């Protein structure tokens, strides 16, 4: 099984790339990213250092998955 990668947007407007395991558990991320300069999700170097922050933001419903193609 492969890990999933997707863009998420915080309620403050900042965008993060998030990597999750096949069961949806966050394993790493990168950001904040510039909304007008997003790259392919496979080009980012996902780090576990912001994992706790990402999990907390999701639990508080401050972070939501987005499709950047629909935001333009």
PDB file of N, CA and C in Angstrom:
ATOM      1  N   UNK A   1       0.833  -1.184   0.000  1.00  0.00           N
ATOM      2  CA  UNK A   1       0.000   0.000   0.000  1.00  0.00           C
ATOM      3  C   UNK A   1       0.879   1.249   0.000  1.00  0.00           C
ATOM      4  N   UNK A   2       0.405   2.261  -0.692  1.00  0.00           N
ATOM      5  CA  UNK A   2       1.148   3.525  -0.782  1.00  0.00           C
ATOM      6  C   UNK A   2       0.597   4.550   0.180  1.00  0.00           C
ATOM      7  N   UNK A   3       1.464   5.464   0.565  1.00  0.00           N
ATOM      8  CA  UNK A   3       1.030   6.584   1.393  1.00  0.00           C
ATOM      9  C   UNK A   3       0.298   7.593   0.521  1.00  0.00           C
ATOM     10  N   UNK A   4      -0.670   8.284   1.117  1.00  0.00           N
ATOM     11  CA  UNK A   4      -1.403   9.308   0.403  1.00  0.00           C
ATOM     12  C   UNK A   4      -0.796  10.681   0.672  1.00  0.00           C
ATOM     13  N   UNK A   5      -0.841  11.522  -0.323  1.00  0.00           N
ATOM     14  CA  UNK A   5      -0.334  12.882  -0.194  1.00  0.00           C
ATOM     15  C   UNK A   5      -1.409  13.827  -0.710  1.00  0.00           C
ATOM     16  N   UNK A   6      -1.648  14.905   0.027  1.00  0.00           N
ATOM     17  CA  UNK A   6      -2.670  15.858  -0.376  1.00  0.00           C
ATOM     18  C   UNK A   6      -2.375  17.230   0.204  1.00  0.00           C
ATOM     19  N   UNK A   7      -3.030  18.224  -0.373  1.00  0.00           N
ATOM     20  CA  UNK A   7      -2.921  19.585   0.138  1.00  0.00           C
ATOM     21  C   UNK A   7      -4.024  19.833   1.142  1.00  0.00           C
ATOM     22  N   UNK A   8      -3.675  20.563   2.202  1.00  0.00           N
ATOM     23  CA  UNK A   8      -4.629  20.942   3.237  1.00  0.00           C
ATOM     24  C   UNK A   8      -4.487  22.438   3.463  1.00  0.00           C
ATOM     25  N   UNK A   9      -5.609  23.090   3.773  1.00  0.00           N
ATOM     26  CA  UNK A   9      -5.583  24.523   4.036  1.00  0.00           C
ATOM     27  C   UNK A   9      -6.056  24.804   5.459  1.00  0.00           C
ATOM     28  N   UNK A  10      -5.265  25.615   6.156  1.00  0.00           N
ATOM     29  CA  UNK A  10      -5.607  26.032   7.519  1.00  0.00           C
ATOM     30  C   UNK A  10      -6.646  27.145   7.426  1.00  0.00           C
ATOM     31  N   UNK A  11      -7.399  27.326   8.484  1.00  0.00           N
ATOM     32  CA  UNK A  11      -8.413  28.385   8.490  1.00  0.00           C
ATOM     33  C   UNK A  11      -7.796  29.770   8.311  1.00  0.00           C
ATOM     34  N   UNK A  12      -6.507  29.917   8.557  1.00  0.00           N
ATOM     35  CA  UNK A  12      -5.833  31.202   8.356  1.00  0.00           C
ATOM     36  C   UNK A  12      -5.406  31.396   6.897  1.00  0.00           C
ATOM     37  N   UNK A  13      -5.704  30.420   6.024  1.00  0.00           N
ATOM     38  CA  UNK A  13      -5.411  30.514   4.599  1.00  0.00           C
ATOM     39  C   UNK A  13      -4.122  29.849   4.166  1.00  0.00           C
ATOM     40  N   UNK A  14      -3.275  29.474   5.094  1.00  0.00           N
ATOM     41  CA  UNK A  14      -2.003  28.846   4.732  1.00  0.00           C
ATOM     42  C   UNK A  14      -2.224  27.404   4.261  1.00  0.00           C
ATOM     43  N   UNK A  15      -1.410  26.988   3.311  1.00  0.00           N
ATOM     44  CA  UNK A  15      -1.544  25.663   2.701  1.00  0.00           C
ATOM     45  C   UNK A  15      -0.363  24.787   3.092  1.00  0.00           C
ATOM     46  N   UNK A  16      -0.667  23.513   3.356  1.00  0.00           N
ATOM     47  CA  UNK A  16       0.334  22.526   3.740  1.00  0.00           C
ATOM     48  C   UNK A  16       0.174  21.297   2.852  1.00  0.00           C
ATOM     49  N   UNK A  17       1.286  20.633   2.562  1.00  0.00           N
ATOM     50  CA  UNK A  17       1.257  19.331   1.906  1.00  0.00           C
ATOM     51  C   UNK A  17       1.397  18.297   3.024  1.00  0.00           C
ATOM     52  N   UNK A  18       0.499  17.323   3.036  1.00  0.00           N
ATOM     53  CA  UNK A  18       0.442  16.348   4.122  1.00  0.00           C
ATOM     54  C   UNK A  18       0.542  14.933   3.552  1.00  0.00           C
ATOM     55  N   UNK A  19       1.349  14.108   4.213  1.00  0.00           N
ATOM     56  CA  UNK A  19       1.482  12.703   3.839  1.00  0.00           C
ATOM     57  C   UNK A  19       0.839  11.855   4.930  1.00  0.00           C
ATOM     58  N   UNK A  20      -0.010  10.922   4.495  1.00  0.00           N
ATOM     59  CA  UNK A  20      -0.704  10.032   5.424  1.00  0.00           C
ATOM     60  C   UNK A  20      -0.445   8.585   5.040  1.00  0.00           C
ATOM     61  N   UNK A  21      -0.530   7.696   6.038  1.00  0.00           N
ATOM     62  CA  UNK A  21      -0.396   6.276   5.737  1.00  0.00           C
ATOM     63  C   UNK A  21      -1.699   5.786   5.095  1.00  0.00           C
ATOM     64  N   UNK A  22      -1.747   4.532   4.632  1.00  0.00           N
ATOM     65  CA  UNK A  22      -2.950   4.024   3.965  1.00  0.00           C
ATOM     66  C   UNK A  22      -4.216   4.051   4.835  1.00  0.00           C
ATOM     67  N   UNK A  23      -4.057   4.225   6.134  1.00  0.00           N
ATOM     68  CA  UNK A  23      -5.205   4.256   7.037  1.00  0.00           C
ATOM     69  C   UNK A  23      -5.609   5.677   7.397  1.00  0.00           C
ATOM     70  N   UNK A  24      -4.946   6.684   6.816  1.00  0.00           N
ATOM     71  CA  UNK A  24      -5.294   8.076   7.044  1.00  0.00           C
ATOM     72  C   UNK A  24      -4.547   8.748   8.176  1.00  0.00           C
ATOM     73  N   UNK A  25      -3.621   8.046   8.825  1.00  0.00           N
ATOM     74  CA  UNK A  25      -2.848   8.633   9.918  1.00  0.00           C
ATOM     75  C   UNK A  25      -1.735   9.509   9.341  1.00  0.00           C
ATOM     76  N   UNK A  26      -1.642  10.738   9.816  1.00  0.00           N
ATOM     77  CA  UNK A  26      -0.628  11.671   9.333  1.00  0.00           C
ATOM     78  C   UNK A  26       0.756  11.189   9.752  1.00  0.00           C
ATOM     79  N   UNK A  27       1.685  11.163   8.779  1.00  0.00           N
ATOM     80  CA  UNK A  27       3.051  10.755   9.087  1.00  0.00           C
ATOM     81  C   UNK A  27       4.071  11.861   8.829  1.00  0.00           C
ATOM     82  N   UNK A  28       3.646  12.925   8.151  1.00  0.00           N
ATOM     83  CA  UNK A  28       4.553  14.034   7.917  1.00  0.00           C
ATOM     84  C   UNK A  28       3.898  15.125   7.099  1.00  0.00           C
ATOM     85  N   UNK A  29       4.597  16.238   7.001  1.00  0.00           N
ATOM     86  CA  UNK A  29       4.055  17.348   6.236  1.00  0.00           C
ATOM     87  C   UNK A  29       5.123  18.378   5.934  1.00  0.00           C
ATOM     88  N   UNK A  30       4.719  19.372   5.173  1.00  0.00           N
ATOM     89  CA  UNK A  30       5.602  20.480   4.824  1.00  0.00           C
ATOM     90  C   UNK A  30       4.739  21.727   4.624  1.00  0.00           C
ATOM     91  N   UNK A  31       5.274  22.854   5.042  1.00  0.00           N
ATOM     92  CA  UNK A  31       4.532  24.095   4.844  1.00  0.00           C
ATOM     93  C   UNK A  31       4.798  25.070   5.961  1.00  0.00           C
ATOM     94  N   UNK A  32       4.203  26.238   5.864  1.00  0.00           N
ATOM     95  CA  UNK A  32       3.203  26.642   4.873  1.00  0.00           C
ATOM     96  C   UNK A  32       3.825  26.876   3.497  1.00  0.00           C
ATOM     97  N   UNK A  33       2.988  26.675   2.477  1.00  0.00           N
ATOM     98  CA  UNK A  33       3.401  26.798   1.082  1.00  0.00           C
ATOM     99  C   UNK A  33       2.729  28.006   0.447  1.00  0.00           C
ATOM    100  N   UNK A  34       3.351  28.544  -0.571  1.00  0.00           N
ATOM    101  CA  UNK A  34       2.771  29.669  -1.305  1.00  0.00           C
ATOM    102  C   UNK A  34       1.650  29.138  -2.207  1.00  0.00           C
ATOM    103  N   UNK A  35       0.431  29.636  -2.070  1.00  0.00           N
ATOM    104  CA  UNK A  35      -0.699  29.123  -2.846  1.00  0.00           C
ATOM    105  C   UNK A  35      -0.522  29.258  -4.357  1.00  0.00           C
ATOM    106  N   UNK A  36       0.230  30.247  -4.795  1.00  0.00           N
ATOM    107  CA  UNK A  36       0.411  30.444  -6.235  1.00  0.00           C
ATOM    108  C   UNK A  36       1.669  29.756  -6.765  1.00  0.00           C
ATOM    109  N   UNK A  37       2.315  28.924  -5.919  1.00  0.00           N
ATOM    110  CA  UNK A  37       3.533  28.233  -6.341  1.00  0.00           C
ATOM    111  C   UNK A  37       3.543  26.798  -5.798  1.00  0.00           C
ATOM    112  N   UNK A  38       2.430  26.094  -5.944  1.00  0.00           N
ATOM    113  CA  UNK A  38       2.351  24.710  -5.477  1.00  0.00           C
ATOM    114  C   UNK A  38       2.944  23.781  -6.529  1.00  0.00           C
ATOM    115  N   UNK A  39       3.636  22.751  -6.063  1.00  0.00           N
ATOM    116  CA  UNK A  39       4.268  21.778  -6.946  1.00  0.00           C
ATOM    117  C   UNK A  39       3.530  20.448  -6.863  1.00  0.00           C
ATOM    118  N   UNK A  40       3.973  19.506  -7.648  1.00  0.00           N
ATOM    119  CA  UNK A  40       3.442  18.147  -7.564  1.00  0.00           C
ATOM    120  C   UNK A  40       3.700  17.615  -6.162  1.00  0.00           C
ATOM    121  N   UNK A  41       2.748  16.920  -5.605  1.00  0.00           N
ATOM    122  CA  UNK A  41       2.857  16.435  -4.229  1.00  0.00           C
ATOM    123  C   UNK A  41       4.063  15.524  -4.006  1.00  0.00           C
ATOM    124  N   UNK A  42       4.541  14.854  -5.026  1.00  0.00           N
ATOM    125  CA  UNK A  42       5.699  13.965  -4.881  1.00  0.00           C
ATOM    126  C   UNK A  42       7.019  14.729  -4.814  1.00  0.00           C
ATOM    127  N   UNK A  43       7.008  16.022  -5.079  1.00  0.00           N
ATOM    128  CA  UNK A  43       8.237  16.818  -5.082  1.00  0.00           C
ATOM    129  C   UNK A  43       8.604  17.382  -3.711  1.00  0.00           C
ATOM    130  N   UNK A  44       7.733  17.237  -2.742  1.00  0.00           N
ATOM    131  CA  UNK A  44       8.002  17.804  -1.416  1.00  0.00           C
ATOM    132  C   UNK A  44       8.731  16.809  -0.524  1.00  0.00           C
ATOM    133  N   UNK A  45       9.499  17.350   0.412  1.00  0.00           N
ATOM    134  CA  UNK A  45      10.232  16.553   1.389  1.00  0.00           C
ATOM    135  C   UNK A  45       9.447  16.586   2.709  1.00  0.00           C
ATOM    136  N   UNK A  46       8.602  15.598   2.915  1.00  0.00           N
ATOM    137  CA  UNK A  46       7.710  15.542   4.078  1.00  0.00           C
ATOM    138  C   UNK A  46       8.500  15.250   5.345  1.00  0.00           C
ATOM    139  N   UNK A  47       8.243  16.030   6.384  1.00  0.00           N
ATOM    140  CA  UNK A  47       8.968  15.897   7.656  1.00  0.00           C
ATOM    141  C   UNK A  47       8.001  15.559   8.788  1.00  0.00           C
ATOM    142  N   UNK A  48       8.414  14.690   9.696  1.00  0.00           N
ATOM    143  CA  UNK A  48       7.566  14.378  10.844  1.00  0.00           C
ATOM    144  C   UNK A  48       7.548  15.479  11.894  1.00  0.00           C
ATOM    145  N   UNK A  49       8.396  16.491  11.748  1.00  0.00           N
ATOM    146  CA  UNK A  49       8.503  17.529  12.779  1.00  0.00           C
ATOM    147  C   UNK A  49       7.222  18.341  12.969  1.00  0.00           C
ATOM    148  N   UNK A  50       6.364  18.454  11.945  1.00  0.00           N
ATOM    149  CA  UNK A  50       5.114  19.205  12.119  1.00  0.00           C
ATOM    150  C   UNK A  50       3.900  18.279  12.262  1.00  0.00           C
ATOM    151  N   UNK A  51       4.165  16.995  12.378  1.00  0.00           N
ATOM    152  CA  UNK A  51       3.082  16.004  12.493  1.00  0.00           C
ATOM    153  C   UNK A  51       2.135  16.328  13.646  1.00  0.00           C
ATOM    154  N   UNK A  52       2.666  16.591  14.822  1.00  0.00           N
ATOM    155  CA  UNK A  52       1.829  16.880  15.987  1.00  0.00           C
ATOM    156  C   UNK A  52       0.949  18.097  15.774  1.00  0.00           C
ATOM    157  N   UNK A  53       1.536  19.149  15.191  1.00  0.00           N
ATOM    158  CA  UNK A  53       0.784  20.367  14.923  1.00  0.00           C
ATOM    159  C   UNK A  53      -0.338  20.091  13.927  1.00  0.00           C
ATOM    160  N   UNK A  54      -0.033  19.336  12.855  1.00  0.00           N
ATOM    161  CA  UNK A  54      -1.043  18.996  11.854  1.00  0.00           C
ATOM    162  C   UNK A  54      -2.185  18.195  12.477  1.00  0.00           C
ATOM    163  N   UNK A  55      -1.851  17.196  13.285  1.00  0.00           N
ATOM    164  CA  UNK A  55      -2.874  16.376  13.933  1.00  0.00           C
ATOM    165  C   UNK A  55      -3.768  17.215  14.835  1.00  0.00           C
ATOM    166  N   UNK A  56      -3.170  18.132  15.571  1.00  0.00           N
ATOM    167  CA  UNK A  56      -3.939  19.010  16.465  1.00  0.00           C
ATOM    168  C   UNK A  56      -4.870  19.924  15.666  1.00  0.00           C
ATOM    169  N   UNK A  57      -4.362  20.486  14.572  1.00  0.00           N
ATOM    170  CA  UNK A  57      -5.175  21.367  13.737  1.00  0.00           C
ATOM    171  C   UNK A  57      -6.343  20.607  13.117  1.00  0.00           C
ATOM    172  N   UNK A  58      -6.126  19.376  12.697  1.00  0.00           N
ATOM    173  CA  UNK A  58      -7.214  18.556  12.147  1.00  0.00           C
ATOM    174  C   UNK A  58      -8.241  18.260  13.244  1.00  0.00           C
ATOM    175  N   UNK A  59      -7.780  17.888  14.422  1.00  0.00           N
ATOM    176  CA  UNK A  59      -8.677  17.574  15.537  1.00  0.00           C
ATOM    177  C   UNK A  59      -9.531  18.786  15.916  1.00  0.00           C
ATOM    178  N   UNK A  60      -8.977  19.981  15.788  1.00  0.00           N
ATOM    179  CA  UNK A  60      -9.702  21.207  16.116  1.00  0.00           C
ATOM    180  C   UNK A  60     -10.514  21.735  14.927  1.00  0.00           C
ATOM    181  N   UNK A  61     -10.518  20.989  13.852  1.00  0.00           N
ATOM    182  CA  UNK A  61     -11.233  21.364  12.614  1.00  0.00           C
ATOM    183  C   UNK A  61     -10.768  22.706  12.050  1.00  0.00           C
ATOM    184  N   UNK A  62      -9.471  22.948  12.175  1.00  0.00           N
ATOM    185  CA  UNK A  62      -8.875  24.166  11.635  1.00  0.00           C
ATOM    186  C   UNK A  62      -8.157  23.910  10.320  1.00  0.00           C
ATOM    187  N   UNK A  63      -8.068  22.665   9.921  1.00  0.00           N
ATOM    188  CA  UNK A  63      -7.342  22.270   8.723  1.00  0.00           C
ATOM    189  C   UNK A  63      -8.254  21.374   7.903  1.00  0.00           C
ATOM    190  N   UNK A  64      -8.365  21.678   6.596  1.00  0.00           N
ATOM    191  CA  UNK A  64      -9.232  20.873   5.739  1.00  0.00           C
ATOM    192  C   UNK A  64      -8.514  20.544   4.435  1.00  0.00           C
ATOM    193  N   UNK A  65      -8.831  19.371   3.920  1.00  0.00           N
ATOM    194  CA  UNK A  65      -8.230  18.923   2.660  1.00  0.00           C
ATOM    195  C   UNK A  65      -8.801  19.770   1.522  1.00  0.00           C
ATOM    196  N   UNK A  66      -7.938  20.144   0.576  1.00  0.00           N
ATOM    197  CA  UNK A  66      -8.380  20.948  -0.550  1.00  0.00           C
ATOM    198  C   UNK A  66      -7.873  20.357  -1.862  1.00  0.00           C
ATOM    199  N   UNK A  67      -8.504  20.769  -2.938  1.00  0.00           N
ATOM    200  CA  UNK A  67      -8.032  20.491  -4.292  1.00  0.00           C
ATOM    201  C   UNK A  67      -7.626  21.831  -4.866  1.00  0.00           C
ATOM    202  N   UNK A  68      -6.326  22.125  -4.936  1.00  0.00           N
ATOM    203  CA  UNK A  68      -5.888  23.456  -5.376  1.00  0.00           C
ATOM    204  C   UNK A  68      -6.367  23.815  -6.785  1.00  0.00           C
ATOM    205  N   UNK A  69      -6.614  22.836  -7.624  1.00  0.00           N
ATOM    206  CA  UNK A  69      -7.092  23.129  -8.975  1.00  0.00           C
ATOM    207  C   UNK A  69      -8.462  23.799  -8.940  1.00  0.00           C
ATOM    208  N   UNK A  70      -9.241  23.500  -7.918  1.00  0.00           N
ATOM    209  CA  UNK A  70     -10.574  24.093  -7.801  1.00  0.00           C
ATOM    210  C   UNK A  70     -10.543  25.467  -7.138  1.00  0.00           C
ATOM    211  N   UNK A  71      -9.412  25.839  -6.553  1.00  0.00           N
ATOM    212  CA  UNK A  71      -9.296  27.109  -5.843  1.00  0.00           C
ATOM    213  C   UNK A  71      -8.864  28.245  -6.760  1.00  0.00           C
ATOM    214  N   UNK A  72      -8.437  27.934  -7.967  1.00  0.00           N
ATOM    215  CA  UNK A  72      -7.899  28.974  -8.858  1.00  0.00           C
ATOM    216  C   UNK A  72      -8.983  29.596  -9.680  1.00  0.00           C
TER     217      UNK A  72
END
